[in-house]
Amino acid sequence: MMPAWYQRMNPRERRLALIVAGALFLLVNLLVWSKLFGILDNAREELALRKATRSEQSLYIKERILWARRDQWLKQHQPILKSEVEASTLLDQVKEIAGKHNVLIEHPAIGAGDPTPDRQSVFASFETKSPWPPLVHFLFDVQQPEAFVVFESVQLQIDSGDPTMMRGKFKIARWFAPSEKAPAEKAPLEKEPSEKESSER
């Protein structure tokens, strides 16, 4: 049975009421489904993140022996920084390798890097001029794992005066083992004689 308020409406008002009711119904459904899809997307993202984290953890667990061996090798082979003269030694080695491959070294400079909890370092900056193939061999020989040499800055470009030549600007560093400063040992304080001991003397 139709409600009284609906029966009192003319056909035009009834159509208008149905349109408004349908629009409200669609709007409410749209809001509800939008919320549900948002929750579903968040759940999928969280699940994907958890799966990625679990995969990383599984990989670390599988490779823990490898990383332990690498850490042991690092402690056994990483050199100890004896003095800042190591920067000059690094530059001499660079010049020696460059001479081996006919790479011209220009504007060399050396210095000591800022120490971190993981390492100490010295650096050498320089520019190079050479054809591309010798430069590749030079870079390969400089950066060997046992040398503990890293490229901190690299800029390469073709020589504007000679397209067959490459010009490079490099800053390389040698990483040394972190400093282990043992706390200074305090000398034991001399015990003062008591009044009884003084009277016995």
N, C-alpha and C. Protein backbone atom coordinates (compact mmCIF):
# COMPACT_ATOMS: atom_id res chain seq x y z
N MET A 1 0.84 -1.19 0.00
CA MET A 1 0.00 0.00 0.00
C MET A 1 0.87 1.24 0.00
N MET A 2 0.55 2.17 -0.87
CA MET A 2 1.33 3.39 -0.99
C MET A 2 1.11 4.29 0.23
N PRO A 3 2.16 4.92 0.73
CA PRO A 3 1.98 5.87 1.84
C PRO A 3 1.16 7.07 1.38
N ALA A 4 0.54 7.71 2.37
CA ALA A 4 -0.38 8.81 2.05
C ALA A 4 0.35 9.97 1.39
N TRP A 5 1.60 10.27 1.88
CA TRP A 5 2.33 11.41 1.30
C TRP A 5 2.68 11.17 -0.16
N TYR A 6 2.89 9.87 -0.51
CA TYR A 6 3.21 9.56 -1.91
C TYR A 6 1.96 9.68 -2.80
N GLN A 7 0.80 9.26 -2.23
CA GLN A 7 -0.43 9.33 -3.00
C GLN A 7 -0.86 10.77 -3.27
N ARG A 8 -0.48 11.67 -2.36
CA ARG A 8 -0.86 13.07 -2.55
C ARG A 8 -0.03 13.76 -3.64
N MET A 9 1.07 13.11 -4.07
CA MET A 9 1.92 13.71 -5.10
C MET A 9 1.31 13.52 -6.47
N ASN A 10 1.55 14.51 -7.34
CA ASN A 10 1.15 14.34 -8.73
C ASN A 10 2.25 13.56 -9.46
N PRO A 11 2.00 13.07 -10.67
CA PRO A 11 3.00 12.26 -11.39
C PRO A 11 4.36 12.94 -11.54
N ARG A 12 4.36 14.24 -11.75
CA ARG A 12 5.64 14.93 -11.91
C ARG A 12 6.44 14.91 -10.61
N GLU A 13 5.76 15.14 -9.47
CA GLU A 13 6.46 15.12 -8.18
C GLU A 13 6.97 13.72 -7.86
N ARG A 14 6.15 12.73 -8.27
CA ARG A 14 6.59 11.35 -8.02
C ARG A 14 7.87 11.03 -8.80
N ARG A 15 7.90 11.44 -10.07
CA ARG A 15 9.10 11.19 -10.89
C ARG A 15 10.32 11.91 -10.29
N LEU A 16 10.09 13.14 -9.84
CA LEU A 16 11.18 13.90 -9.25
C LEU A 16 11.67 13.24 -7.96
N ALA A 17 10.74 12.73 -7.15
CA ALA A 17 11.12 12.06 -5.90
C ALA A 17 11.92 10.79 -6.20
N LEU A 18 11.48 10.04 -7.23
CA LEU A 18 12.21 8.82 -7.60
C LEU A 18 13.62 9.15 -8.09
N ILE A 19 13.75 10.22 -8.86
CA ILE A 19 15.07 10.62 -9.36
C ILE A 19 16.00 10.99 -8.20
N VAL A 20 15.47 11.79 -7.24
CA VAL A 20 16.28 12.19 -6.08
C VAL A 20 16.68 10.98 -5.26
N ALA A 21 15.69 10.07 -5.03
CA ALA A 21 15.99 8.88 -4.25
C ALA A 21 17.04 8.01 -4.94
N GLY A 22 16.91 7.87 -6.28
CA GLY A 22 17.90 7.08 -7.02
C GLY A 22 19.28 7.71 -6.97
N ALA A 23 19.34 9.04 -7.07
CA ALA A 23 20.63 9.73 -7.01
C ALA A 23 21.28 9.54 -5.64
N LEU A 24 20.46 9.67 -4.57
CA LEU A 24 21.00 9.45 -3.23
C LEU A 24 21.49 8.02 -3.04
N PHE A 25 20.72 7.06 -3.57
CA PHE A 25 21.11 5.66 -3.48
C PHE A 25 22.46 5.40 -4.18
N LEU A 26 22.58 5.97 -5.40
CA LEU A 26 23.83 5.80 -6.13
C LEU A 26 25.00 6.48 -5.43
N LEU A 27 24.75 7.66 -4.86
CA LEU A 27 25.81 8.39 -4.17
C LEU A 27 26.31 7.62 -2.94
N VAL A 28 25.34 7.09 -2.16
CA VAL A 28 25.72 6.32 -0.98
C VAL A 28 26.51 5.07 -1.38
N ASN A 29 26.04 4.38 -2.43
CA ASN A 29 26.77 3.20 -2.89
C ASN A 29 28.16 3.55 -3.39
N LEU A 30 28.25 4.69 -4.09
CA LEU A 30 29.55 5.11 -4.60
C LEU A 30 30.53 5.36 -3.46
N LEU A 31 30.05 6.04 -2.41
CA LEU A 31 30.90 6.31 -1.26
C LEU A 31 31.32 5.02 -0.56
N VAL A 32 30.37 4.11 -0.40
CA VAL A 32 30.67 2.84 0.28
C VAL A 32 31.68 2.03 -0.51
N TRP A 33 31.43 1.88 -1.83
CA TRP A 33 32.35 1.09 -2.64
C TRP A 33 33.73 1.75 -2.77
N SER A 34 33.73 3.08 -2.82
CA SER A 34 35.01 3.78 -2.86
C SER A 34 35.83 3.51 -1.60
N LYS A 35 35.15 3.54 -0.46
CA LYS A 35 35.83 3.23 0.80
C LYS A 35 36.34 1.80 0.83
N LEU A 36 35.50 0.88 0.36
CA LEU A 36 35.90 -0.53 0.35
C LEU A 36 37.10 -0.76 -0.57
N PHE A 37 37.07 -0.15 -1.77
CA PHE A 37 38.20 -0.30 -2.70
C PHE A 37 39.48 0.31 -2.13
N GLY A 38 39.33 1.45 -1.40
CA GLY A 38 40.50 2.05 -0.77
C GLY A 38 41.11 1.14 0.27
N ILE A 39 40.26 0.52 1.09
CA ILE A 39 40.75 -0.42 2.10
C ILE A 39 41.41 -1.62 1.42
N LEU A 40 40.82 -2.09 0.34
CA LEU A 40 41.37 -3.23 -0.38
C LEU A 40 42.74 -2.90 -0.98
N ASP A 41 42.88 -1.70 -1.56
CA ASP A 41 44.17 -1.30 -2.13
C ASP A 41 45.23 -1.19 -1.05
N ASN A 42 44.87 -0.61 0.10
CA ASN A 42 45.83 -0.51 1.19
C ASN A 42 46.25 -1.88 1.69
N ALA A 43 45.29 -2.80 1.75
CA ALA A 43 45.61 -4.16 2.20
C ALA A 43 46.56 -4.85 1.21
N ARG A 44 46.31 -4.63 -0.10
CA ARG A 44 47.19 -5.22 -1.11
C ARG A 44 48.60 -4.65 -1.02
N GLU A 45 48.71 -3.33 -0.82
CA GLU A 45 50.03 -2.72 -0.70
C GLU A 45 50.76 -3.22 0.53
N GLU A 46 50.05 -3.33 1.64
CA GLU A 46 50.67 -3.83 2.86
C GLU A 46 51.11 -5.28 2.70
N LEU A 47 50.29 -6.08 2.02
CA LEU A 47 50.65 -7.47 1.79
C LEU A 47 51.88 -7.58 0.91
N ALA A 48 51.93 -6.75 -0.15
CA ALA A 48 53.09 -6.77 -1.04
C ALA A 48 54.35 -6.35 -0.30
N LEU A 49 54.22 -5.35 0.59
CA LEU A 49 55.37 -4.89 1.37
C LEU A 49 55.84 -5.98 2.31
N ARG A 50 54.92 -6.66 2.95
CA ARG A 50 55.30 -7.73 3.86
C ARG A 50 55.96 -8.88 3.12
N LYS A 51 55.45 -9.20 1.92
CA LYS A 51 56.06 -10.27 1.13
C LYS A 51 57.48 -9.89 0.71
N ALA A 52 57.67 -8.61 0.32
CA ALA A 52 59.01 -8.15 -0.07
C ALA A 52 59.96 -8.20 1.12
N THR A 53 59.47 -7.77 2.29
CA THR A 53 60.31 -7.81 3.49
C THR A 53 60.67 -9.24 3.86
N ARG A 54 59.70 -10.14 3.76
CA ARG A 54 59.97 -11.55 4.08
C ARG A 54 60.96 -12.15 3.09
N SER A 55 60.85 -11.77 1.82
CA SER A 55 61.79 -12.28 0.81
C SER A 55 63.21 -11.79 1.11
N GLU A 56 63.33 -10.51 1.50
CA GLU A 56 64.65 -9.98 1.84
C GLU A 56 65.22 -10.70 3.06
N GLN A 57 64.38 -10.91 4.06
CA GLN A 57 64.85 -11.60 5.26
C GLN A 57 65.27 -13.04 4.94
N SER A 58 64.50 -13.70 4.08
CA SER A 58 64.86 -15.07 3.69
C SER A 58 66.18 -15.09 2.94
N LEU A 59 66.39 -14.07 2.08
CA LEU A 59 67.65 -13.99 1.34
C LEU A 59 68.82 -13.76 2.27
N TYR A 60 68.64 -12.87 3.26
CA TYR A 60 69.71 -12.61 4.22
C TYR A 60 70.04 -13.86 5.02
N ILE A 61 68.99 -14.60 5.40
CA ILE A 61 69.23 -15.82 6.17
C ILE A 61 69.99 -16.84 5.33
N LYS A 62 69.63 -16.97 4.06
CA LYS A 62 70.31 -17.93 3.20
C LYS A 62 71.77 -17.54 2.96
N GLU A 63 72.03 -16.21 2.90
CA GLU A 63 73.37 -15.74 2.58
C GLU A 63 74.15 -15.28 3.81
N ARG A 64 73.69 -15.64 5.00
CA ARG A 64 74.36 -15.15 6.21
C ARG A 64 75.80 -15.66 6.28
N ILE A 65 76.04 -16.89 5.81
CA ILE A 65 77.40 -17.42 5.83
C ILE A 65 78.30 -16.62 4.89
N LEU A 66 77.75 -16.28 3.71
CA LEU A 66 78.52 -15.49 2.74
C LEU A 66 78.88 -14.12 3.31
N TRP A 67 77.91 -13.46 3.95
CA TRP A 67 78.18 -12.13 4.51
C TRP A 67 79.12 -12.22 5.69
N ALA A 68 79.03 -13.30 6.46
CA ALA A 68 79.96 -13.48 7.58
C ALA A 68 81.39 -13.66 7.06
N ARG A 69 81.53 -14.40 5.96
CA ARG A 69 82.86 -14.59 5.37
C ARG A 69 83.39 -13.28 4.81
N ARG A 70 82.51 -12.50 4.19
CA ARG A 70 82.95 -11.20 3.65
C ARG A 70 83.39 -10.26 4.77
N ASP A 71 82.65 -10.28 5.87
CA ASP A 71 83.03 -9.44 7.00
C ASP A 71 84.36 -9.88 7.58
N GLN A 72 84.58 -11.18 7.66
CA GLN A 72 85.84 -11.69 8.16
C GLN A 72 86.98 -11.33 7.22
N TRP A 73 86.75 -11.46 5.89
CA TRP A 73 87.79 -11.10 4.92
C TRP A 73 88.11 -9.61 5.01
N LEU A 74 87.08 -8.79 5.21
CA LEU A 74 87.29 -7.35 5.32
C LEU A 74 88.16 -7.01 6.52
N LYS A 75 87.87 -7.64 7.66
CA LYS A 75 88.66 -7.36 8.86
C LYS A 75 90.09 -7.84 8.72
N GLN A 76 90.31 -8.90 7.95
CA GLN A 76 91.65 -9.45 7.80
C GLN A 76 92.49 -8.68 6.78
N HIS A 77 91.86 -8.10 5.76
CA HIS A 77 92.62 -7.52 4.66
C HIS A 77 92.56 -5.99 4.57
N GLN A 78 91.59 -5.35 5.21
CA GLN A 78 91.52 -3.90 5.10
C GLN A 78 92.73 -3.27 5.78
N PRO A 79 93.45 -2.40 5.06
CA PRO A 79 94.69 -1.83 5.62
C PRO A 79 94.40 -0.87 6.78
N ILE A 80 95.45 -0.61 7.54
CA ILE A 80 95.38 0.30 8.67
C ILE A 80 96.07 1.60 8.29
N LEU A 81 95.42 2.71 8.58
CA LEU A 81 95.99 4.02 8.25
C LEU A 81 97.08 4.36 9.27
N LYS A 82 98.33 4.43 8.76
CA LYS A 82 99.47 4.73 9.64
C LYS A 82 99.74 6.22 9.72
N SER A 83 99.59 6.92 8.59
CA SER A 83 99.80 8.36 8.58
C SER A 83 99.16 8.93 7.33
N GLU A 84 99.09 10.26 7.23
CA GLU A 84 98.50 10.90 6.07
C GLU A 84 99.41 10.80 4.84
N VAL A 85 100.59 10.24 5.01
CA VAL A 85 101.47 10.00 3.85
C VAL A 85 100.83 9.00 2.90
N GLU A 86 99.85 8.24 3.40
CA GLU A 86 99.16 7.27 2.56
C GLU A 86 98.51 7.95 1.35
N ALA A 87 98.13 9.23 1.49
CA ALA A 87 97.53 9.95 0.36
C ALA A 87 98.56 10.11 -0.75
N SER A 88 99.79 10.44 -0.40
CA SER A 88 100.85 10.56 -1.40
C SER A 88 101.15 9.21 -2.05
N THR A 89 101.10 8.15 -1.23
CA THR A 89 101.31 6.81 -1.77
C THR A 89 100.23 6.44 -2.76
N LEU A 90 98.98 6.81 -2.44
CA LEU A 90 97.86 6.54 -3.36
C LEU A 90 98.06 7.25 -4.69
N LEU A 91 98.47 8.51 -4.64
CA LEU A 91 98.69 9.25 -5.88
C LEU A 91 99.84 8.66 -6.68
N ASP A 92 100.90 8.21 -6.01
CA ASP A 92 102.02 7.58 -6.72
C ASP A 92 101.56 6.31 -7.43
N GLN A 93 100.70 5.54 -6.79
CA GLN A 93 100.19 4.32 -7.42
C GLN A 93 99.33 4.66 -8.63
N VAL A 94 98.52 5.73 -8.52
CA VAL A 94 97.71 6.16 -9.65
C VAL A 94 98.59 6.56 -10.82
N LYS A 95 99.64 7.32 -10.54
CA LYS A 95 100.55 7.74 -11.60
C LYS A 95 101.25 6.55 -12.24
N GLU A 96 101.61 5.56 -11.43
CA GLU A 96 102.27 4.37 -11.96
C GLU A 96 101.35 3.61 -12.92
N ILE A 97 100.08 3.43 -12.51
CA ILE A 97 99.12 2.72 -13.37
C ILE A 97 98.83 3.54 -14.62
N ALA A 98 98.73 4.87 -14.46
CA ALA A 98 98.47 5.73 -15.62
C ALA A 98 99.62 5.65 -16.62
N GLY A 99 100.86 5.63 -16.11
CA GLY A 99 102.01 5.50 -17.02
C GLY A 99 102.02 4.18 -17.75
N LYS A 100 101.54 3.14 -17.08
CA LYS A 100 101.47 1.82 -17.70
C LYS A 100 100.53 1.81 -18.90
N HIS A 101 99.46 2.61 -18.84
CA HIS A 101 98.45 2.63 -19.91
C HIS A 101 98.50 3.91 -20.75
N ASN A 102 99.57 4.69 -20.60
CA ASN A 102 99.72 5.94 -21.37
C ASN A 102 98.54 6.90 -21.16
N VAL A 103 98.15 7.05 -19.91
CA VAL A 103 97.10 8.00 -19.53
C VAL A 103 97.78 9.20 -18.88
N LEU A 104 97.53 10.39 -19.39
CA LEU A 104 98.15 11.60 -18.87
C LEU A 104 97.41 12.06 -17.61
N ILE A 105 98.18 12.30 -16.53
CA ILE A 105 97.62 12.80 -15.28
C ILE A 105 97.92 14.29 -15.16
N GLU A 106 96.88 15.08 -14.89
CA GLU A 106 97.04 16.53 -14.76
C GLU A 106 96.38 17.02 -13.46
N HIS A 107 96.93 18.10 -12.92
CA HIS A 107 96.39 18.78 -11.74
C HIS A 107 96.13 17.83 -10.57
N PRO A 108 97.14 17.07 -10.14
CA PRO A 108 96.91 16.17 -9.01
C PRO A 108 96.84 16.92 -7.67
N ALA A 109 96.07 16.38 -6.75
CA ALA A 109 95.96 16.93 -5.40
C ALA A 109 95.63 15.79 -4.45
N ILE A 110 96.07 15.91 -3.19
CA ILE A 110 95.84 14.85 -2.21
C ILE A 110 95.29 15.46 -0.92
N GLY A 111 94.73 14.60 -0.08
CA GLY A 111 94.21 15.05 1.20
C GLY A 111 93.68 13.89 2.01
N ALA A 112 93.21 14.19 3.21
CA ALA A 112 92.65 13.18 4.11
C ALA A 112 91.14 13.38 4.20
N GLY A 113 90.40 12.30 4.14
CA GLY A 113 88.95 12.38 4.24
C GLY A 113 88.49 12.43 5.69
N ASP A 114 87.24 12.78 5.88
CA ASP A 114 86.68 12.81 7.22
C ASP A 114 86.44 11.39 7.71
N PRO A 115 86.91 11.05 8.91
CA PRO A 115 86.71 9.68 9.41
C PRO A 115 85.25 9.43 9.77
N THR A 116 84.84 8.19 9.63
CA THR A 116 83.50 7.75 10.00
C THR A 116 83.64 6.54 10.92
N PRO A 117 82.54 6.11 11.55
CA PRO A 117 82.64 4.91 12.39
C PRO A 117 83.05 3.66 11.62
N ASP A 118 82.88 3.67 10.29
CA ASP A 118 83.18 2.48 9.49
C ASP A 118 84.56 2.50 8.85
N ARG A 119 85.16 3.69 8.72
CA ARG A 119 86.42 3.75 7.98
C ARG A 119 87.14 5.07 8.22
N GLN A 120 88.43 5.06 7.83
CA GLN A 120 89.22 6.26 7.65
C GLN A 120 89.64 6.30 6.19
N SER A 121 89.95 7.46 5.66
CA SER A 121 90.26 7.51 4.23
C SER A 121 91.23 8.64 3.91
N VAL A 122 91.95 8.44 2.81
CA VAL A 122 92.74 9.49 2.17
C VAL A 122 92.26 9.55 0.73
N PHE A 123 92.47 10.70 0.07
CA PHE A 123 91.97 10.82 -1.30
C PHE A 123 93.01 11.47 -2.19
N ALA A 124 92.82 11.25 -3.48
CA ALA A 124 93.62 11.89 -4.51
C ALA A 124 92.68 12.34 -5.61
N SER A 125 92.78 13.58 -6.01
CA SER A 125 91.98 14.10 -7.12
C SER A 125 92.92 14.47 -8.26
N PHE A 126 92.44 14.25 -9.49
CA PHE A 126 93.30 14.50 -10.65
C PHE A 126 92.44 14.54 -11.89
N GLU A 127 93.03 14.99 -12.99
CA GLU A 127 92.39 15.00 -14.29
C GLU A 127 93.19 14.10 -15.23
N THR A 128 92.51 13.53 -16.22
CA THR A 128 93.18 12.63 -17.16
C THR A 128 92.89 13.06 -18.60
N LYS A 129 93.80 12.65 -19.47
CA LYS A 129 93.61 12.86 -20.90
C LYS A 129 94.18 11.65 -21.62
N SER A 130 93.34 10.98 -22.39
CA SER A 130 93.76 9.77 -23.09
C SER A 130 92.65 9.31 -24.02
N PRO A 131 92.96 8.40 -24.94
CA PRO A 131 91.89 7.75 -25.70
C PRO A 131 91.03 6.90 -24.77
N TRP A 132 89.87 6.50 -25.26
CA TRP A 132 88.93 5.76 -24.43
C TRP A 132 89.44 4.38 -23.99
N PRO A 133 89.98 3.53 -24.87
CA PRO A 133 90.41 2.18 -24.43
C PRO A 133 91.45 2.20 -23.31
N PRO A 134 92.54 3.01 -23.41
CA PRO A 134 93.48 3.03 -22.28
C PRO A 134 92.85 3.51 -20.98
N LEU A 135 91.90 4.43 -21.08
CA LEU A 135 91.24 4.93 -19.88
C LEU A 135 90.46 3.82 -19.19
N VAL A 136 89.80 2.98 -19.98
CA VAL A 136 89.05 1.86 -19.40
C VAL A 136 89.97 0.92 -18.65
N HIS A 137 91.12 0.59 -19.25
CA HIS A 137 92.09 -0.31 -18.58
C HIS A 137 92.65 0.35 -17.33
N PHE A 138 92.88 1.65 -17.40
CA PHE A 138 93.39 2.38 -16.24
C PHE A 138 92.39 2.31 -15.08
N LEU A 139 91.12 2.56 -15.36
CA LEU A 139 90.09 2.53 -14.32
C LEU A 139 89.94 1.13 -13.74
N PHE A 140 90.07 0.12 -14.58
CA PHE A 140 89.95 -1.26 -14.12
C PHE A 140 91.09 -1.61 -13.16
N ASP A 141 92.31 -1.20 -13.51
CA ASP A 141 93.46 -1.53 -12.66
C ASP A 141 93.47 -0.74 -11.36
N VAL A 142 92.94 0.46 -11.39
CA VAL A 142 92.93 1.27 -10.16
C VAL A 142 91.98 0.70 -9.13
N GLN A 143 90.81 0.28 -9.57
CA GLN A 143 89.77 -0.15 -8.62
C GLN A 143 89.74 -1.67 -8.53
N GLN A 144 90.67 -2.22 -7.75
CA GLN A 144 90.69 -3.64 -7.46
C GLN A 144 90.19 -3.87 -6.04
N PRO A 145 89.48 -4.97 -5.78
CA PRO A 145 88.91 -5.18 -4.43
C PRO A 145 89.94 -5.13 -3.32
N GLU A 146 91.10 -5.74 -3.55
CA GLU A 146 92.11 -5.78 -2.49
C GLU A 146 92.80 -4.44 -2.28
N ALA A 147 92.59 -3.49 -3.20
CA ALA A 147 93.19 -2.16 -3.06
C ALA A 147 92.36 -1.24 -2.18
N PHE A 148 91.09 -1.56 -1.96
CA PHE A 148 90.18 -0.75 -1.16
C PHE A 148 90.12 0.69 -1.68
N VAL A 149 90.08 0.83 -2.99
CA VAL A 149 90.01 2.13 -3.65
C VAL A 149 88.61 2.31 -4.23
N VAL A 150 88.02 3.46 -3.99
CA VAL A 150 86.67 3.76 -4.50
C VAL A 150 86.72 5.09 -5.23
N PHE A 151 85.87 5.22 -6.25
CA PHE A 151 85.73 6.48 -6.97
C PHE A 151 84.62 7.29 -6.31
N GLU A 152 84.98 8.39 -5.69
CA GLU A 152 83.99 9.24 -5.04
C GLU A 152 83.38 10.25 -6.01
N SER A 153 84.10 10.59 -7.07
CA SER A 153 83.59 11.56 -8.04
C SER A 153 84.20 11.24 -9.40
N VAL A 154 83.35 11.21 -10.44
CA VAL A 154 83.80 10.90 -11.80
C VAL A 154 83.09 11.83 -12.78
N GLN A 155 83.86 12.49 -13.64
CA GLN A 155 83.31 13.31 -14.71
C GLN A 155 84.09 13.01 -15.99
N LEU A 156 83.37 12.63 -17.04
CA LEU A 156 83.99 12.28 -18.31
C LEU A 156 83.37 13.09 -19.42
N GLN A 157 84.21 13.51 -20.36
CA GLN A 157 83.71 14.23 -21.54
C GLN A 157 84.73 14.12 -22.67
N ILE A 158 84.25 14.28 -23.89
CA ILE A 158 85.14 14.22 -25.06
C ILE A 158 85.91 15.54 -25.15
N ASP A 159 87.18 15.43 -25.46
CA ASP A 159 88.03 16.61 -25.61
C ASP A 159 87.51 17.46 -26.78
N SER A 160 87.24 18.73 -26.50
CA SER A 160 86.70 19.61 -27.53
C SER A 160 87.70 19.85 -28.66
N GLY A 161 88.98 19.75 -28.37
CA GLY A 161 89.99 19.97 -29.41
C GLY A 161 90.35 18.73 -30.19
N ASP A 162 90.05 17.54 -29.62
CA ASP A 162 90.40 16.28 -30.28
C ASP A 162 89.33 15.25 -29.94
N PRO A 163 88.42 14.95 -30.86
CA PRO A 163 87.33 14.00 -30.57
C PRO A 163 87.79 12.59 -30.24
N THR A 164 89.05 12.26 -30.56
CA THR A 164 89.55 10.91 -30.25
C THR A 164 90.03 10.79 -28.81
N MET A 165 90.08 11.90 -28.09
CA MET A 165 90.60 11.91 -26.72
C MET A 165 89.46 12.12 -25.72
N MET A 166 89.61 11.51 -24.55
CA MET A 166 88.66 11.67 -23.45
C MET A 166 89.33 12.44 -22.32
N ARG A 167 88.60 13.34 -21.74
CA ARG A 167 89.08 14.06 -20.56
C ARG A 167 88.23 13.65 -19.36
N GLY A 168 88.91 13.43 -18.26
CA GLY A 168 88.20 13.00 -17.07
C GLY A 168 88.66 13.75 -15.83
N LYS A 169 87.74 13.93 -14.89
CA LYS A 169 88.04 14.50 -13.58
C LYS A 169 87.63 13.47 -12.54
N PHE A 170 88.58 13.08 -11.71
CA PHE A 170 88.34 12.00 -10.76
C PHE A 170 88.73 12.42 -9.34
N LYS A 171 88.01 11.86 -8.39
CA LYS A 171 88.41 11.91 -6.99
C LYS A 171 88.27 10.50 -6.45
N ILE A 172 89.40 9.91 -6.11
CA ILE A 172 89.38 8.54 -5.61
C ILE A 172 89.85 8.55 -4.16
N ALA A 173 89.42 7.55 -3.42
CA ALA A 173 89.79 7.45 -2.02
C ALA A 173 90.16 6.01 -1.69
N ARG A 174 91.07 5.88 -0.76
CA ARG A 174 91.39 4.54 -0.23
C ARG A 174 90.83 4.47 1.18
N TRP A 175 90.04 3.42 1.40
CA TRP A 175 89.38 3.26 2.70
C TRP A 175 90.23 2.36 3.58
N PHE A 176 90.49 2.85 4.79
CA PHE A 176 91.25 2.10 5.78
C PHE A 176 90.33 1.67 6.92
N ALA A 177 90.83 0.76 7.72
CA ALA A 177 90.05 0.27 8.85
C ALA A 177 89.76 1.43 9.80
N PRO A 178 88.60 1.41 10.46
CA PRO A 178 88.28 2.48 11.40
C PRO A 178 89.26 2.52 12.56
N SER A 179 89.44 3.71 13.10
CA SER A 179 90.38 3.86 14.21
C SER A 179 89.79 3.23 15.46
N GLU A 180 90.65 2.59 16.21
CA GLU A 180 90.23 1.96 17.47
C GLU A 180 91.06 2.60 18.58
N LYS A 181 90.52 3.68 19.09
CA LYS A 181 91.23 4.39 20.15
C LYS A 181 90.84 3.80 21.50
N ALA A 182 91.79 3.12 22.10
CA ALA A 182 91.52 2.54 23.41
C ALA A 182 91.53 3.63 24.47
N PRO A 183 90.65 3.56 25.44
CA PRO A 183 90.62 4.57 26.49
C PRO A 183 91.91 4.56 27.29
N ALA A 184 92.41 5.73 27.62
CA ALA A 184 93.67 5.83 28.36
C ALA A 184 93.51 5.21 29.73
N GLU A 185 94.53 4.40 30.12
CA GLU A 185 94.49 3.74 31.41
C GLU A 185 94.89 4.72 32.50
N LYS A 186 94.11 4.79 33.51
CA LYS A 186 94.41 5.68 34.62
C LYS A 186 95.34 4.99 35.60
N ALA A 187 96.36 5.71 36.03
CA ALA A 187 97.30 5.15 37.00
C ALA A 187 96.59 4.99 38.34
N PRO A 188 96.85 3.86 39.05
CA PRO A 188 96.19 3.66 40.34
C PRO A 188 96.60 4.73 41.34
N LEU A 189 95.64 5.24 42.07
CA LEU A 189 95.92 6.26 43.05
C LEU A 189 96.64 5.65 44.25
N GLU A 190 97.66 6.37 44.75
CA GLU A 190 98.43 5.87 45.89
C GLU A 190 97.60 6.04 47.15
N LYS A 191 97.52 4.99 47.94
CA LYS A 191 96.70 5.00 49.15
C LYS A 191 97.39 5.79 50.24
N GLU A 192 96.66 6.72 50.83
CA GLU A 192 97.21 7.53 51.90
C GLU A 192 97.25 6.71 53.18
N PRO A 193 98.31 6.83 53.95
CA PRO A 193 98.40 6.05 55.21
C PRO A 193 97.38 6.54 56.22
N SER A 194 96.83 5.60 56.97
CA SER A 194 95.85 5.94 57.99
C SER A 194 96.56 6.47 59.22
N GLU A 195 95.77 7.03 60.18
CA GLU A 195 96.36 7.57 61.38
C GLU A 195 97.06 6.49 62.21
N LYS A 196 96.48 5.26 62.20
CA LYS A 196 97.07 4.15 62.95
C LYS A 196 98.42 3.79 62.38
N GLU A 197 98.50 3.73 61.04
CA GLU A 197 99.76 3.38 60.41
C GLU A 197 100.79 4.46 60.66
N SER A 198 100.36 5.74 60.68
CA SER A 198 101.29 6.83 60.94
C SER A 198 101.85 6.77 62.33
N SER A 199 101.01 6.42 63.34
CA SER A 199 101.48 6.34 64.72
C SER A 199 102.45 5.18 64.92
N GLU A 200 102.18 4.06 64.14
CA GLU A 200 103.08 2.92 64.26
C GLU A 200 104.45 3.23 63.70
N ARG A 201 104.49 4.11 62.67
CA ARG A 201 105.78 4.49 62.09
C ARG A 201 106.56 5.37 63.08
